[in-house]
Amino acid sequence: MPEQPEYATPDRITMYGAAWCSDCRRSKALLDGRGVDYEYVDLEVVTEGADRAKAISGRTNIPVVVFPDGTFFVEPSDAELGAKLDATAAA
């Protein structure tokens, strides 16, 4: 099995998104509202960001939210993202 790139299992939650994306703004607001320490990769600024997000998810949809355990969500609902954050905090 090939080794995953470092960005596929980040040290902290990483969100790939763009300001023009309404789902990205919604997920970012949820993370910010909960005071989550996360890295935001702005796909309009970070040249290789879109390639990284696609390599992780296999899709071009955003946002892509990656957790340190290697799990990720593509276009998560607030309920999905909130449940994962709750489970991560409880672990």
C-alpha atoms as a PDB file:
ATOM      1  CA  MET A   1       0.000   0.000   0.000  1.00  0.00           C
ATOM      2  CA  PRO A   2       1.504   3.354  -0.988  1.00  0.00           C
ATOM      3  CA  GLU A   3       2.303   5.772   1.788  1.00  0.00           C
ATOM      4  CA  GLN A   4      -0.110   8.684   2.033  1.00  0.00           C
ATOM      5  CA  PRO A   5       1.282  12.177   1.598  1.00  0.00           C
ATOM      6  CA  GLU A   6       1.791  14.161   4.792  1.00  0.00           C
ATOM      7  CA  TYR A   7      -1.091  16.516   3.983  1.00  0.00           C
ATOM      8  CA  ALA A   8      -3.518  13.540   3.963  1.00  0.00           C
ATOM      9  CA  THR A   9      -2.996  13.035   7.715  1.00  0.00           C
ATOM     10  CA  PRO A  10      -2.377  16.531   9.092  1.00  0.00           C
ATOM     11  CA  ASP A  11      -1.361  17.344  12.671  1.00  0.00           C
ATOM     12  CA  ARG A  12      -4.589  19.298  13.061  1.00  0.00           C
ATOM     13  CA  ILE A  13      -7.844  19.650  11.156  1.00  0.00           C
ATOM     14  CA  THR A  14      -7.266  21.124   7.713  1.00  0.00           C
ATOM     15  CA  MET A  15      -9.959  22.642   5.532  1.00  0.00           C
ATOM     16  CA  TYR A  16      -9.509  23.240   1.812  1.00  0.00           C
ATOM     17  CA  GLY A  17     -11.884  25.880   0.507  1.00  0.00           C
ATOM     18  CA  ALA A  18     -12.474  29.174  -1.272  1.00  0.00           C
ATOM     19  CA  ALA A  19     -14.274  32.406  -0.401  1.00  0.00           C
ATOM     20  CA  TRP A  20     -16.656  32.083  -3.361  1.00  0.00           C
ATOM     21  CA  CYS A  21     -17.901  28.681  -2.129  1.00  0.00           C
ATOM     22  CA  SER A  22     -21.017  28.923   0.067  1.00  0.00           C
ATOM     23  CA  ASP A  23     -20.499  25.436   1.546  1.00  0.00           C
ATOM     24  CA  CYS A  24     -16.928  26.439   2.435  1.00  0.00           C
ATOM     25  CA  ARG A  25     -18.128  29.603   4.186  1.00  0.00           C
ATOM     26  CA  ARG A  26     -20.704  27.574   6.120  1.00  0.00           C
ATOM     27  CA  SER A  27     -18.210  24.909   7.247  1.00  0.00           C
ATOM     28  CA  LYS A  28     -15.626  27.577   8.109  1.00  0.00           C
ATOM     29  CA  ALA A  29     -18.230  29.426  10.200  1.00  0.00           C
ATOM     30  CA  LEU A  30     -19.022  26.214  12.096  1.00  0.00           C
ATOM     31  CA  LEU A  31     -15.337  25.559  12.827  1.00  0.00           C
ATOM     32  CA  ASP A  32     -14.787  29.182  13.855  1.00  0.00           C
ATOM     33  CA  GLY A  33     -17.952  29.207  15.972  1.00  0.00           C
ATOM     34  CA  ARG A  34     -16.748  26.174  17.906  1.00  0.00           C
ATOM     35  CA  GLY A  35     -13.300  27.660  18.392  1.00  0.00           C
ATOM     36  CA  VAL A  36     -11.635  24.787  16.530  1.00  0.00           C
ATOM     37  CA  ASP A  37      -7.884  25.071  15.934  1.00  0.00           C
ATOM     38  CA  TYR A  38      -7.588  24.290  12.237  1.00  0.00           C
ATOM     39  CA  GLU A  39      -5.612  25.208   9.159  1.00  0.00           C
ATOM     40  CA  TYR A  40      -7.492  26.871   6.312  1.00  0.00           C
ATOM     41  CA  VAL A  41      -6.018  26.313   2.856  1.00  0.00           C
ATOM     42  CA  ASP A  42      -7.417  28.999   0.551  1.00  0.00           C
ATOM     43  CA  LEU A  43      -7.519  27.456  -2.907  1.00  0.00           C
ATOM     44  CA  GLU A  44      -7.368  30.908  -4.488  1.00  0.00           C
ATOM     45  CA  VAL A  45      -4.039  31.601  -2.760  1.00  0.00           C
ATOM     46  CA  VAL A  46      -2.277  28.246  -2.344  1.00  0.00           C
ATOM     47  CA  THR A  47      -1.341  27.105  -5.845  1.00  0.00           C
ATOM     48  CA  GLU A  48      -1.165  23.373  -5.090  1.00  0.00           C
ATOM     49  CA  GLY A  49      -4.130  23.425  -2.691  1.00  0.00           C
ATOM     50  CA  ALA A  50      -6.690  22.225  -5.230  1.00  0.00           C
ATOM     51  CA  ASP A  51      -4.398  19.381  -6.288  1.00  0.00           C
ATOM     52  CA  ARG A  52      -3.960  18.348  -2.644  1.00  0.00           C
ATOM     53  CA  ALA A  53      -7.712  18.426  -1.994  1.00  0.00           C
ATOM     54  CA  LYS A  54      -8.375  16.321  -5.096  1.00  0.00           C
ATOM     55  CA  ALA A  55      -5.606  13.850  -4.164  1.00  0.00           C
ATOM     56  CA  ILE A  56      -7.229  13.372  -0.752  1.00  0.00           C
ATOM     57  CA  SER A  57     -10.856  13.114  -1.823  1.00  0.00           C
ATOM     58  CA  GLY A  58     -10.646  11.945  -5.430  1.00  0.00           C
ATOM     59  CA  ARG A  59     -13.086  14.725  -6.289  1.00  0.00           C
ATOM     60  CA  THR A  60     -12.977  18.392  -7.212  1.00  0.00           C
ATOM     61  CA  ASN A  61     -15.790  19.411  -4.846  1.00  0.00           C
ATOM     62  CA  ILE A  62     -15.034  21.664  -1.875  1.00  0.00           C
ATOM     63  CA  PRO A  63     -14.802  22.101   0.998  1.00  0.00           C
ATOM     64  CA  VAL A  64     -12.612  19.154   1.897  1.00  0.00           C
ATOM     65  CA  VAL A  65     -12.137  18.885   5.665  1.00  0.00           C
ATOM     66  CA  VAL A  66      -9.332  16.516   6.705  1.00  0.00           C
ATOM     67  CA  PHE A  67      -8.865  15.189  10.239  1.00  0.00           C
ATOM     68  CA  PRO A  68      -5.614  14.012  11.858  1.00  0.00           C
ATOM     69  CA  ASP A  69      -6.887  10.418  11.839  1.00  0.00           C
ATOM     70  CA  GLY A  70      -6.932  10.521   8.027  1.00  0.00           C
ATOM     71  CA  THR A  71     -10.703  10.723   7.667  1.00  0.00           C
ATOM     72  CA  PHE A  72     -12.124  13.485   5.521  1.00  0.00           C
ATOM     73  CA  PHE A  73     -15.423  14.998   4.502  1.00  0.00           C
ATOM     74  CA  VAL A  74     -16.324  16.551   1.158  1.00  0.00           C
ATOM     75  CA  GLU A  75     -19.088  19.157   1.312  1.00  0.00           C
ATOM     76  CA  PRO A  76     -20.136  18.066   4.811  1.00  0.00           C
ATOM     77  CA  SER A  77     -23.424  19.167   6.304  1.00  0.00           C
ATOM     78  CA  ASP A  78     -23.221  21.035   9.603  1.00  0.00           C
ATOM     79  CA  ALA A  79     -24.637  17.928  11.303  1.00  0.00           C
ATOM     80  CA  GLU A  80     -21.952  15.645   9.817  1.00  0.00           C
ATOM     81  CA  LEU A  81     -19.115  18.011  10.634  1.00  0.00           C
ATOM     82  CA  GLY A  82     -20.464  18.700  14.119  1.00  0.00           C
ATOM     83  CA  ALA A  83     -20.811  14.989  14.886  1.00  0.00           C
ATOM     84  CA  LYS A  84     -17.218  14.341  13.787  1.00  0.00           C
ATOM     85  CA  LEU A  85     -15.968  17.242  15.908  1.00  0.00           C
ATOM     86  CA  ASP A  86     -17.910  15.894  18.900  1.00  0.00           C
ATOM     87  CA  ALA A  87     -16.489  12.395  18.372  1.00  0.00           C
ATOM     88  CA  THR A  88     -12.965  13.769  17.990  1.00  0.00           C
ATOM     89  CA  ALA A  89     -13.268  15.835  21.172  1.00  0.00           C
ATOM     90  CA  ALA A  90     -14.583  12.816  23.100  1.00  0.00           C
ATOM     91  CA  ALA A  91     -11.715  10.569  21.979  1.00  0.00           C
END
